[in-house]
């Protein structure tokens, strides 16, 4: 592949708000120790406000919201994960699947995603009024990520300025972005992860590395990049980790490439020490949760009202996701049911051995398995409460659920359409065999099904509702007093004040 020249930098019109301008204050030097100026930053070839909309799939970060961020002089990001598409009358086209096999449904999903991504890019472009920048966010571990990226970038040439990619090690994203003259923005949670990506492939396309998104693995919403060496219950301060990332980048000659701080960002005044800090370097800030509560946000009114009632601790870091990653979600009935499944869990063997020698009948035929005497008592107690269906997991354990829940789990596993490259819940994998080779895991869930439901229905209690851990600030931030919901423009202006 012939390497494309770097797109020329554009000096766009002045960004759409005056940074850190507060009531009664016209100059950032008016007050001793006041907030530093929030200066425009070169992102994807144009000077824009160093504010980035975080991409949220499925169907949450859409072209309407993305274009509004760009029109405000910032960076808008639409989600390319199973993006919505519309008919000629503007009506939503439901993502229905008719294929009899997973492979056939997987092909349908790819077609849905490419069509939707192209439409969202066009909408964002139209709404942007030629301002700001427009990025597309994808998950490296989503099904057919490479094929969907090629399809959308080909179908929306010139409309997408950058590709943001995380949830895995997106080592091919640089090559794909370069093919279409786009900048690329890997999402990492450590300097070590970026180093591995740089040495493997990014060093071949250095001029299109538009920035590096550092996503706080303890505070970000959605999927989190916690490594096996990090304790989910012991969060680390972001500044030393950012400094380590900057040092690593500087060692590769990337000292002026922006870092985008994501996860835990709410008030910019809390990040004042990061501005003009040589240990940090050029810095932008990504907002994922706050854009949920805007006029342009497509989520339901019920979801928006729920956000306004969140309390500290309501967002729960868990590992139920079929991706295998940790994720942060509101601890609603959906999450509580998953927690219950795992709590009602015992180890078993197909033949007695050692302490696992208490016989227990499983299934309609009552085939015996063996567990400890104590676990048998627990299992009998759960069955007396109505959790009479025992489902096997890949870890030689049984979980106990109600018969209707068991039927729902099995039906959903069968209906899998391959939305991930590998799925713990259904055992689908994007390979010739179409399987991970392991048992499907009933402790997880179909992420495609629940995210489609939460974004297209009024139900935000019995579906997965991702959110950042600062979501509780909606309730005590005076900006949202009396249920006020701003436009994206009003939100960007508010953020620029430091609040």
Protein backbone atom coordinates (compact mmCIF):
# COMPACT_ATOMS: atom_id res chain seq x y z
CA UNK A 1 0.00 0.00 0.00
CA UNK A 2 1.37 3.42 -0.92
CA UNK A 3 1.65 5.69 2.09
CA UNK A 4 -0.55 8.74 1.72
CA UNK A 5 0.81 12.20 2.46
CA UNK A 6 -0.31 13.86 5.66
CA UNK A 7 -3.51 15.89 5.17
CA UNK A 8 -2.76 19.61 5.45
CA UNK A 9 -3.55 21.28 8.76
CA UNK A 10 -6.48 23.64 8.65
CA UNK A 11 -6.86 26.71 10.80
CA UNK A 12 -10.57 26.66 11.39
CA UNK A 13 -12.73 29.53 12.50
CA UNK A 14 -12.49 30.53 16.12
CA UNK A 15 -13.99 27.81 18.33
CA UNK A 16 -17.50 28.50 19.47
CA UNK A 17 -16.99 29.49 23.11
CA UNK A 18 -14.67 31.68 25.14
CA UNK A 19 -12.69 29.41 27.44
CA UNK A 20 -13.10 29.79 31.18
CA UNK A 21 -15.14 32.98 30.97
CA UNK A 22 -17.17 33.28 34.16
CA UNK A 23 -19.73 35.68 35.47
CA UNK A 24 -18.10 39.00 36.31
CA UNK A 25 -14.84 37.95 34.72
CA UNK A 26 -13.59 38.92 31.28
CA UNK A 27 -9.96 37.86 31.40
CA UNK A 28 -8.40 34.68 32.71
CA UNK A 29 -5.78 36.79 34.52
CA UNK A 30 -8.35 38.82 36.46
CA UNK A 31 -8.11 36.54 39.48
CA UNK A 32 -4.92 35.39 41.08
CA UNK A 33 -4.66 31.61 40.79
CA UNK A 34 -7.54 31.52 38.34
CA UNK A 35 -8.04 28.77 35.80
CA UNK A 36 -5.61 28.64 32.93
CA UNK A 37 -6.76 29.40 29.40
CA UNK A 38 -8.24 26.50 27.48
CA UNK A 39 -6.45 26.98 24.20
CA UNK A 40 -7.46 25.50 20.84
CA UNK A 41 -5.60 22.36 19.86
CA UNK A 42 -4.73 20.86 16.47
CA UNK A 43 -6.88 17.73 16.16
CA UNK A 44 -7.36 15.81 12.92
CA UNK A 45 -5.78 18.61 10.93
CA UNK A 46 -7.77 21.56 12.32
CA UNK A 47 -7.60 23.82 15.36
CA UNK A 48 -10.58 23.08 17.59
CA UNK A 49 -11.52 23.32 21.22
CA UNK A 50 -9.73 20.52 23.12
CA UNK A 51 -13.09 18.95 23.93
CA UNK A 52 -14.10 15.57 22.54
CA UNK A 53 -17.44 13.79 22.60
CA UNK A 54 -16.97 10.20 23.72
CA UNK A 55 -18.42 7.66 21.31
CA UNK A 56 -21.13 5.46 22.82
CA UNK A 57 -22.72 2.51 21.04
CA UNK A 58 -25.20 1.14 20.31
CA UNK A 59 -27.18 4.01 18.74
CA UNK A 60 -26.42 6.49 21.54
CA UNK A 61 -23.74 8.62 19.91
CA UNK A 62 -25.47 9.53 16.66
CA UNK A 63 -24.87 12.01 13.85
CA UNK A 64 -27.24 14.61 15.27
CA UNK A 65 -25.28 14.92 18.53
CA UNK A 66 -21.92 14.49 16.83
CA UNK A 67 -22.62 17.25 14.33
CA UNK A 68 -23.72 19.57 17.13
CA UNK A 69 -20.41 19.06 18.95
CA UNK A 70 -18.51 19.82 15.77
CA UNK A 71 -20.68 22.88 15.09
CA UNK A 72 -19.73 24.15 18.56
CA UNK A 73 -16.06 24.06 17.54
CA UNK A 74 -15.22 20.80 19.32
CA UNK A 75 -14.79 17.17 18.22
CA UNK A 76 -17.95 15.13 17.72
CA UNK A 77 -17.81 11.34 17.75
CA UNK A 78 -20.50 9.03 16.43
CA UNK A 79 -20.52 5.35 17.20
CA UNK A 80 -19.90 2.93 14.36
CA UNK A 81 -21.07 0.01 16.50
CA UNK A 82 -24.30 -1.25 14.89
CA UNK A 83 -25.25 2.30 13.98
CA UNK A 84 -28.87 3.16 13.21
CA UNK A 85 -30.03 3.73 9.65
CA UNK A 86 -33.23 5.28 8.28
CA UNK A 87 -35.51 4.91 5.28
CA UNK A 88 -36.24 7.67 2.77
CA UNK A 89 -38.91 9.10 5.08
CA UNK A 90 -36.51 9.31 8.00
CA UNK A 91 -38.00 6.34 9.86
CA UNK A 92 -35.70 4.06 11.84
CA UNK A 93 -34.95 0.76 10.11
CA UNK A 94 -35.11 -1.96 12.80
CA UNK A 95 -32.08 -4.22 12.87
CA UNK A 96 -33.91 -7.51 12.34
CA UNK A 97 -32.18 -10.76 11.46
CA UNK A 98 -33.67 -13.39 9.17
CA UNK A 99 -30.73 -15.75 8.58
CA UNK A 100 -31.07 -19.32 9.83
CA UNK A 101 -27.41 -19.60 10.86
CA UNK A 102 -25.15 -17.40 12.94
CA UNK A 103 -22.95 -16.84 9.91
CA UNK A 104 -25.90 -15.60 7.84
CA UNK A 105 -27.05 -13.30 10.64
CA UNK A 106 -23.47 -12.06 11.04
CA UNK A 107 -23.46 -11.00 7.39
CA UNK A 108 -26.74 -9.16 7.96
CA UNK A 109 -25.23 -7.36 10.95
CA UNK A 110 -22.29 -6.20 8.82
CA UNK A 111 -24.66 -4.79 6.21
CA UNK A 112 -26.72 -3.02 8.90
CA UNK A 113 -23.58 -1.54 10.45
CA UNK A 114 -22.06 -0.23 7.24
CA UNK A 115 -25.31 1.34 6.07
CA UNK A 116 -25.90 2.93 9.48
CA UNK A 117 -22.35 4.20 9.85
CA UNK A 118 -22.46 5.93 6.46
CA UNK A 119 -25.78 7.58 7.29
CA UNK A 120 -24.60 8.79 10.70
CA UNK A 121 -21.45 10.26 9.12
CA UNK A 122 -23.56 12.15 6.57
CA UNK A 123 -25.91 13.48 9.25
CA UNK A 124 -22.98 14.60 11.40
CA UNK A 125 -21.38 16.33 8.42
CA UNK A 126 -24.59 18.20 7.59
CA UNK A 127 -25.16 19.29 11.19
CA UNK A 128 -21.57 20.42 11.70
CA UNK A 129 -21.88 23.42 9.36
CA UNK A 130 -18.28 22.84 8.35
CA UNK A 131 -17.01 23.43 11.89
CA UNK A 132 -15.02 21.26 14.28
CA UNK A 133 -14.06 17.69 13.52
CA UNK A 134 -16.04 14.47 13.12
CA UNK A 135 -14.71 11.17 14.42
CA UNK A 136 -16.05 7.62 14.26
CA UNK A 137 -15.68 5.32 17.24
CA UNK A 138 -15.47 1.53 16.92
CA UNK A 139 -14.56 -1.37 19.19
CA UNK A 140 -11.71 -3.52 17.94
CA UNK A 141 -13.38 -6.58 19.44
CA UNK A 142 -16.72 -5.95 17.74
CA UNK A 143 -17.71 -8.41 15.03
CA UNK A 144 -16.18 -7.70 11.61
CA UNK A 145 -14.56 -4.47 12.84
CA UNK A 146 -12.13 -4.26 9.92
CA UNK A 147 -14.80 -4.93 7.30
CA UNK A 148 -17.16 -2.38 8.82
CA UNK A 149 -14.44 0.26 9.05
CA UNK A 150 -13.57 -0.21 5.38
CA UNK A 151 -17.23 -0.10 4.39
CA UNK A 152 -18.08 3.07 6.29
CA UNK A 153 -14.89 4.96 5.44
CA UNK A 154 -15.31 4.08 1.76
CA UNK A 155 -18.98 5.07 1.74
CA UNK A 156 -18.43 8.31 3.65
CA UNK A 157 -15.19 9.51 2.07
CA UNK A 158 -14.15 12.95 3.22
CA UNK A 159 -16.81 13.14 5.94
CA UNK A 160 -14.91 11.39 8.74
CA UNK A 161 -11.73 13.03 9.98
CA UNK A 162 -10.63 10.50 12.58
CA UNK A 163 -11.18 6.95 13.77
CA UNK A 164 -11.17 6.22 17.49
CA UNK A 165 -10.71 2.59 18.43
CA UNK A 166 -10.41 0.67 21.68
CA UNK A 167 -11.69 -2.47 23.43
CA UNK A 168 -8.70 -4.60 22.52
CA UNK A 169 -5.39 -3.97 20.80
CA UNK A 170 -6.30 -2.17 17.54
CA UNK A 171 -2.98 -2.68 15.81
CA UNK A 172 -4.51 -2.58 12.30
CA UNK A 173 -6.45 0.65 12.75
CA UNK A 174 -3.48 2.75 11.61
CA UNK A 175 -3.23 0.92 8.30
CA UNK A 176 -6.98 1.12 7.69
CA UNK A 177 -7.19 4.82 8.55
CA UNK A 178 -4.20 5.59 6.32
CA UNK A 179 -5.92 3.91 3.37
CA UNK A 180 -8.62 6.60 3.56
CA UNK A 181 -6.44 9.51 4.64
CA UNK A 182 -7.95 9.60 8.14
CA UNK A 183 -6.28 10.23 11.45
CA UNK A 184 -6.45 7.45 14.03
CA UNK A 185 -6.87 7.60 17.80
CA UNK A 186 -6.15 4.41 19.76
CA UNK A 187 -7.76 4.07 23.19
CA UNK A 188 -5.33 2.77 25.80
CA UNK A 189 -5.27 2.58 29.57
CA UNK A 190 -1.53 2.38 30.09
CA UNK A 191 1.79 3.44 28.60
CA UNK A 192 2.67 -0.22 28.15
CA UNK A 193 -0.33 -0.82 25.90
CA UNK A 194 0.57 2.14 23.68
CA UNK A 195 4.18 1.03 23.48
CA UNK A 196 3.11 -2.41 22.22
CA UNK A 197 0.84 -0.86 19.58
CA UNK A 198 3.49 1.60 18.43
CA UNK A 199 6.22 -1.00 18.05
CA UNK A 200 3.92 -3.46 16.29
CA UNK A 201 2.33 -1.17 13.71
CA UNK A 202 1.74 2.49 14.54
CA UNK A 203 5.37 3.42 13.87
CA UNK A 204 4.68 2.68 10.18
CA UNK A 205 2.02 5.41 10.00
CA UNK A 206 3.25 8.04 12.49
CA UNK A 207 2.00 11.12 10.63
CA UNK A 208 -1.67 10.14 10.97
CA UNK A 209 -1.59 9.40 14.68
CA UNK A 210 -3.91 12.25 15.64
CA UNK A 211 -3.83 11.60 19.34
CA UNK A 212 -3.87 8.93 22.01
CA UNK A 213 -6.97 8.50 24.14
CA UNK A 214 -6.08 7.61 27.71
CA UNK A 215 -9.19 6.02 29.21
CA UNK A 216 -9.20 5.75 32.99
CA UNK A 217 -9.87 2.05 33.62
CA UNK A 218 -11.59 2.72 36.94
CA UNK A 219 -13.80 5.70 36.11
CA UNK A 220 -14.78 5.48 32.44
CA UNK A 221 -18.22 4.32 31.37
CA UNK A 222 -18.77 1.30 29.17
CA UNK A 223 -15.93 -1.17 28.76
CA UNK A 224 -12.79 -0.58 30.78
CA UNK A 225 -9.19 -1.48 30.08
CA UNK A 226 -8.20 -2.97 33.41
CA UNK A 227 -5.30 -5.37 33.04
CA UNK A 228 -4.84 -8.55 35.04
CA UNK A 229 -2.18 -6.81 37.13
CA UNK A 230 -4.55 -4.02 38.22
CA UNK A 231 -6.98 -4.23 41.11
CA UNK A 232 -10.52 -3.11 40.19
CA UNK A 233 -11.02 -2.07 43.82
CA UNK A 234 -7.87 0.06 44.05
CA UNK A 235 -8.06 2.92 41.55
CA UNK A 236 -4.87 4.74 40.65
CA UNK A 237 -4.58 8.49 40.11
CA UNK A 238 -4.54 9.34 36.39
CA UNK A 239 -1.79 11.99 36.41
CA UNK A 240 1.18 9.63 37.03
CA UNK A 241 -0.19 7.23 34.42
CA UNK A 242 -0.62 10.06 31.91
CA UNK A 243 2.92 11.27 32.66
CA UNK A 244 4.22 7.77 31.98
CA UNK A 245 2.28 7.68 28.70
CA UNK A 246 3.68 11.08 27.68
CA UNK A 247 7.20 9.95 28.52
CA UNK A 248 6.76 6.85 26.38
CA UNK A 249 5.31 8.90 23.51
CA UNK A 250 8.11 11.46 23.75
CA UNK A 251 10.62 8.64 23.48
CA UNK A 252 9.10 7.84 20.08
CA UNK A 253 9.18 11.48 18.96
CA UNK A 254 5.51 12.05 19.76
CA UNK A 255 5.89 14.74 22.38
CA UNK A 256 3.48 17.11 20.59
CA UNK A 257 0.83 14.54 19.72
CA UNK A 258 -2.22 15.26 21.91
CA UNK A 259 -3.33 12.97 24.69
CA UNK A 260 -7.09 12.87 25.19
CA UNK A 261 -8.09 12.28 28.80
CA UNK A 262 -11.23 10.13 29.03
CA UNK A 263 -13.04 8.82 32.08
CA UNK A 264 -13.80 10.80 35.21
CA UNK A 265 -13.86 14.19 33.45
CA UNK A 266 -16.70 16.46 34.57
CA UNK A 267 -15.56 19.95 35.62
CA UNK A 268 -12.51 21.23 33.75
CA UNK A 269 -11.57 23.28 36.80
CA UNK A 270 -10.65 19.97 38.45
CA UNK A 271 -8.01 19.44 35.76
CA UNK A 272 -6.43 22.90 35.82
CA UNK A 273 -3.00 21.59 36.82
CA UNK A 274 -2.93 19.54 33.63
CA UNK A 275 -3.00 22.61 31.37
CA UNK A 276 0.42 23.87 30.31
CA UNK A 277 1.96 21.02 32.29
CA UNK A 278 5.13 19.73 30.56
CA UNK A 279 4.63 16.30 32.12
CA UNK A 280 1.27 16.10 30.35
CA UNK A 281 1.93 18.00 27.14
CA UNK A 282 -0.86 18.84 24.68
CA UNK A 283 -4.07 17.65 26.32
CA UNK A 284 -7.74 17.42 25.36
CA UNK A 285 -10.64 16.17 27.45
CA UNK A 286 -13.25 13.63 26.45
CA UNK A 287 -16.82 13.71 27.76
CA UNK A 288 -18.87 10.55 27.48
CA UNK A 289 -21.51 10.72 30.19
CA UNK A 290 -22.44 14.43 30.16
CA UNK A 291 -23.54 14.41 26.48
CA UNK A 292 -26.16 11.81 27.36
CA UNK A 293 -28.18 14.59 28.96
CA UNK A 294 -28.59 16.95 26.02
CA UNK A 295 -31.44 17.85 23.70
CA UNK A 296 -29.71 16.14 20.80
CA UNK A 297 -29.07 12.92 22.75
CA UNK A 298 -31.37 10.17 21.40
CA UNK A 299 -31.81 8.28 24.67
CA UNK A 300 -35.30 8.05 26.14
CA UNK A 301 -36.79 10.56 28.55
CA UNK A 302 -36.89 7.77 31.14
CA UNK A 303 -33.15 7.25 30.76
CA UNK A 304 -32.50 10.98 31.07
CA UNK A 305 -34.65 11.18 34.22
CA UNK A 306 -32.78 8.20 35.66
CA UNK A 307 -29.46 9.96 35.13
CA UNK A 308 -30.70 12.92 37.15
CA UNK A 309 -31.36 10.64 40.14
CA UNK A 310 -28.05 8.74 40.24
CA UNK A 311 -26.22 8.66 43.55
CA UNK A 312 -22.54 8.13 44.19
CA UNK A 313 -21.81 4.43 43.94
CA UNK A 314 -24.76 3.67 41.65
CA UNK A 315 -22.39 2.92 38.78
CA UNK A 316 -21.02 -0.58 39.23
CA UNK A 317 -17.70 -1.91 37.88
CA UNK A 318 -18.40 -5.48 36.84
CA UNK A 319 -17.14 -8.32 34.70
CA UNK A 320 -20.38 -9.72 33.30
CA UNK A 321 -19.76 -8.45 29.76
CA UNK A 322 -19.54 -11.15 27.05
CA UNK A 323 -16.35 -9.44 25.84
CA UNK A 324 -14.51 -10.54 28.98
CA UNK A 325 -13.61 -6.92 29.78
CA UNK A 326 -14.63 -5.08 32.89
CA UNK A 327 -17.37 -2.53 32.29
CA UNK A 328 -19.09 0.26 34.20
CA UNK A 329 -22.88 0.31 34.29
CA UNK A 330 -25.72 1.59 36.44
CA UNK A 331 -26.52 -0.93 39.16
CA UNK A 332 -30.14 -1.38 38.05
CA UNK A 333 -32.36 -4.47 37.98
CA UNK A 334 -30.46 -5.79 34.93
CA UNK A 335 -27.12 -5.78 36.74
CA UNK A 336 -28.67 -7.03 39.96
CA UNK A 337 -30.13 -10.05 38.17
CA UNK A 338 -26.69 -10.87 36.76
CA UNK A 339 -25.17 -10.54 40.21
CA UNK A 340 -27.82 -12.92 41.51
CA UNK A 341 -26.93 -15.52 38.87
CA UNK A 342 -23.29 -15.52 39.90
CA UNK A 343 -24.14 -15.53 43.59
CA UNK A 344 -26.25 -18.66 43.10
CA UNK A 345 -23.27 -20.65 41.86
CA UNK A 346 -21.58 -23.85 43.00
CA UNK A 347 -18.74 -26.02 41.69
CA UNK A 348 -19.59 -29.50 40.46
CA UNK A 349 -18.06 -32.65 38.97
CA UNK A 350 -19.61 -35.28 36.72
CA UNK A 351 -18.09 -37.98 38.93
CA UNK A 352 -17.59 -37.88 42.71
CA UNK A 353 -14.13 -36.94 43.95
CA UNK A 354 -12.95 -35.77 47.36
CA UNK A 355 -15.29 -33.28 48.99
CA UNK A 356 -17.38 -33.03 45.81
CA UNK A 357 -19.23 -36.26 46.47
CA UNK A 358 -22.77 -35.15 47.37
CA UNK A 359 -25.08 -36.30 44.57
CA UNK A 360 -27.42 -33.71 43.07
CA UNK A 361 -29.89 -34.30 40.20
CA UNK A 362 -29.77 -31.81 37.30
CA UNK A 363 -32.07 -31.28 34.34
CA UNK A 364 -35.39 -32.83 33.36
CA UNK A 365 -33.87 -36.33 33.45
CA UNK A 366 -32.31 -35.77 36.84
CA UNK A 367 -28.81 -36.73 35.79
CA UNK A 368 -26.52 -36.67 38.82
CA UNK A 369 -23.65 -34.28 39.37
CA UNK A 370 -21.53 -34.02 42.49
CA UNK A 371 -20.84 -31.11 44.78
CA UNK A 372 -19.89 -30.48 48.37
CA UNK A 373 -22.45 -31.25 51.04
CA UNK A 374 -22.62 -27.55 51.95
CA UNK A 375 -23.22 -26.52 48.34
CA UNK A 376 -25.95 -29.14 48.02
CA UNK A 377 -27.79 -27.52 50.92
CA UNK A 378 -27.40 -24.10 49.29
CA UNK A 379 -28.62 -25.41 45.93
CA UNK A 380 -31.67 -27.00 47.53
CA UNK A 381 -32.43 -23.68 49.20
CA UNK A 382 -32.28 -21.81 45.89
CA UNK A 383 -34.55 -24.38 44.28
CA UNK A 384 -37.08 -23.95 47.07
CA UNK A 385 -37.09 -20.22 46.20
CA UNK A 386 -38.01 -20.95 42.57
CA UNK A 387 -34.55 -21.04 41.01
CA UNK A 388 -35.07 -24.58 39.79
CA UNK A 389 -33.14 -24.47 36.51
CA UNK A 390 -29.45 -25.35 36.82
CA UNK A 391 -27.22 -24.17 33.96
CA UNK A 392 -23.66 -25.30 33.40
CA UNK A 393 -20.85 -22.78 32.91
CA UNK A 394 -17.47 -23.21 31.18
CA UNK A 395 -15.81 -23.23 34.63
CA UNK A 396 -17.45 -26.45 35.86
CA UNK A 397 -19.95 -24.58 37.97
CA UNK A 398 -23.72 -24.50 38.04
CA UNK A 399 -25.84 -21.40 38.33
CA UNK A 400 -29.47 -21.52 39.42
CA UNK A 401 -32.14 -19.42 37.70
CA UNK A 402 -35.91 -19.54 37.24
CA UNK A 403 -37.26 -21.65 34.35
CA UNK A 404 -38.40 -18.54 32.38
CA UNK A 405 -34.94 -16.98 32.75
CA UNK A 406 -33.35 -20.26 31.65
CA UNK A 407 -35.51 -20.31 28.52
CA UNK A 408 -34.67 -16.67 27.79
CA UNK A 409 -30.93 -17.32 28.15
CA UNK A 410 -30.98 -20.35 25.86
CA UNK A 411 -33.17 -18.69 23.22
CA UNK A 412 -30.94 -15.61 23.16
CA UNK A 413 -27.80 -17.73 22.82
CA UNK A 414 -29.32 -19.55 19.85
CA UNK A 415 -30.29 -16.25 18.19
CA UNK A 416 -26.69 -14.93 18.26
CA UNK A 417 -25.75 -12.77 15.26
CA UNK A 418 -22.02 -12.51 15.96
CA UNK A 419 -21.79 -8.91 17.11
CA UNK A 420 -18.42 -9.57 18.78
CA UNK A 421 -15.23 -11.11 17.47
CA UNK A 422 -15.60 -13.64 20.28
CA UNK A 423 -18.53 -13.91 22.68
CA UNK A 424 -18.46 -15.60 26.07
CA UNK A 425 -22.24 -15.67 26.29
CA UNK A 426 -23.03 -17.51 23.04
CA UNK A 427 -19.58 -19.03 22.30
CA UNK A 428 -19.60 -17.39 18.82
CA UNK A 429 -16.19 -16.53 17.39
CA UNK A 430 -15.20 -14.83 14.17
CA UNK A 431 -13.28 -17.79 12.80
CA UNK A 432 -13.88 -20.64 10.35
CA UNK A 433 -15.50 -22.78 13.02
CA UNK A 434 -17.72 -19.94 14.22
CA UNK A 435 -17.11 -20.86 17.85
CA UNK A 436 -14.73 -20.25 20.72
CA UNK A 437 -14.64 -23.98 21.34
CA UNK A 438 -15.91 -23.45 24.88
CA UNK A 439 -19.32 -23.82 26.47
CA UNK A 440 -21.60 -20.82 26.23
CA UNK A 441 -21.57 -18.91 29.52
CA UNK A 442 -25.02 -18.27 31.05
CA UNK A 443 -23.55 -15.85 33.59
CA UNK A 444 -23.22 -13.24 30.84
CA UNK A 445 -25.73 -11.68 28.42
CA UNK A 446 -26.31 -10.73 24.78
CA UNK A 447 -24.85 -7.24 24.58
CA UNK A 448 -26.40 -6.53 21.17
CA UNK A 449 -29.89 -7.38 22.39
CA UNK A 450 -29.83 -5.31 25.58
CA UNK A 451 -28.10 -2.24 24.10
CA UNK A 452 -30.57 -2.17 21.20
CA UNK A 453 -33.38 -2.35 23.76
CA UNK A 454 -32.08 0.36 26.10
CA UNK A 455 -31.47 2.77 23.21
CA UNK A 456 -34.75 2.16 21.37
CA UNK A 457 -37.28 1.58 24.15
CA UNK A 458 -38.32 3.27 27.37
CA UNK A 459 -36.86 0.45 29.50
CA UNK A 460 -33.71 1.56 31.27
CA UNK A 461 -34.23 -0.56 34.39
CA UNK A 462 -34.22 -4.07 32.92
CA UNK A 463 -31.55 -3.37 30.30
CA UNK A 464 -27.84 -2.62 30.47
CA UNK A 465 -27.29 1.10 31.06
CA UNK A 466 -23.65 2.11 30.70
CA UNK A 467 -22.45 5.26 32.48
CA UNK A 468 -19.26 6.78 33.83
CA UNK A 469 -18.68 6.74 37.58
CA UNK A 470 -19.21 10.50 37.82
CA UNK A 471 -22.80 10.14 36.63
CA UNK A 472 -24.02 10.96 40.14
CA UNK A 473 -22.89 14.54 39.55
CA UNK A 474 -25.95 15.19 37.40
CA UNK A 475 -27.99 15.29 40.61
CA UNK A 476 -25.88 17.91 42.38
CA UNK A 477 -24.55 19.98 39.47
CA UNK A 478 -26.51 23.28 39.54
CA UNK A 479 -26.39 23.35 35.74
CA UNK A 480 -29.04 20.62 35.71
CA UNK A 481 -31.21 22.12 38.45
CA UNK A 482 -34.95 21.57 38.07
CA UNK A 483 -34.36 18.93 35.44
CA UNK A 484 -32.73 21.30 32.95
CA UNK A 485 -31.49 19.55 29.80
CA UNK A 486 -29.13 21.69 27.68
CA UNK A 487 -28.43 21.64 23.99
CA UNK A 488 -24.98 20.44 22.98
CA UNK A 489 -24.01 24.05 22.29
CA UNK A 490 -25.05 25.06 25.82
CA UNK A 491 -23.15 22.11 27.27
CA UNK A 492 -19.95 22.99 25.41
CA UNK A 493 -20.25 26.61 26.53
CA UNK A 494 -20.75 25.47 30.12
CA UNK A 495 -17.75 23.14 29.99
CA UNK A 496 -15.60 25.99 28.71
CA UNK A 497 -16.32 28.00 31.86
CA UNK A 498 -14.61 25.30 33.89
CA UNK A 499 -17.95 24.02 35.18
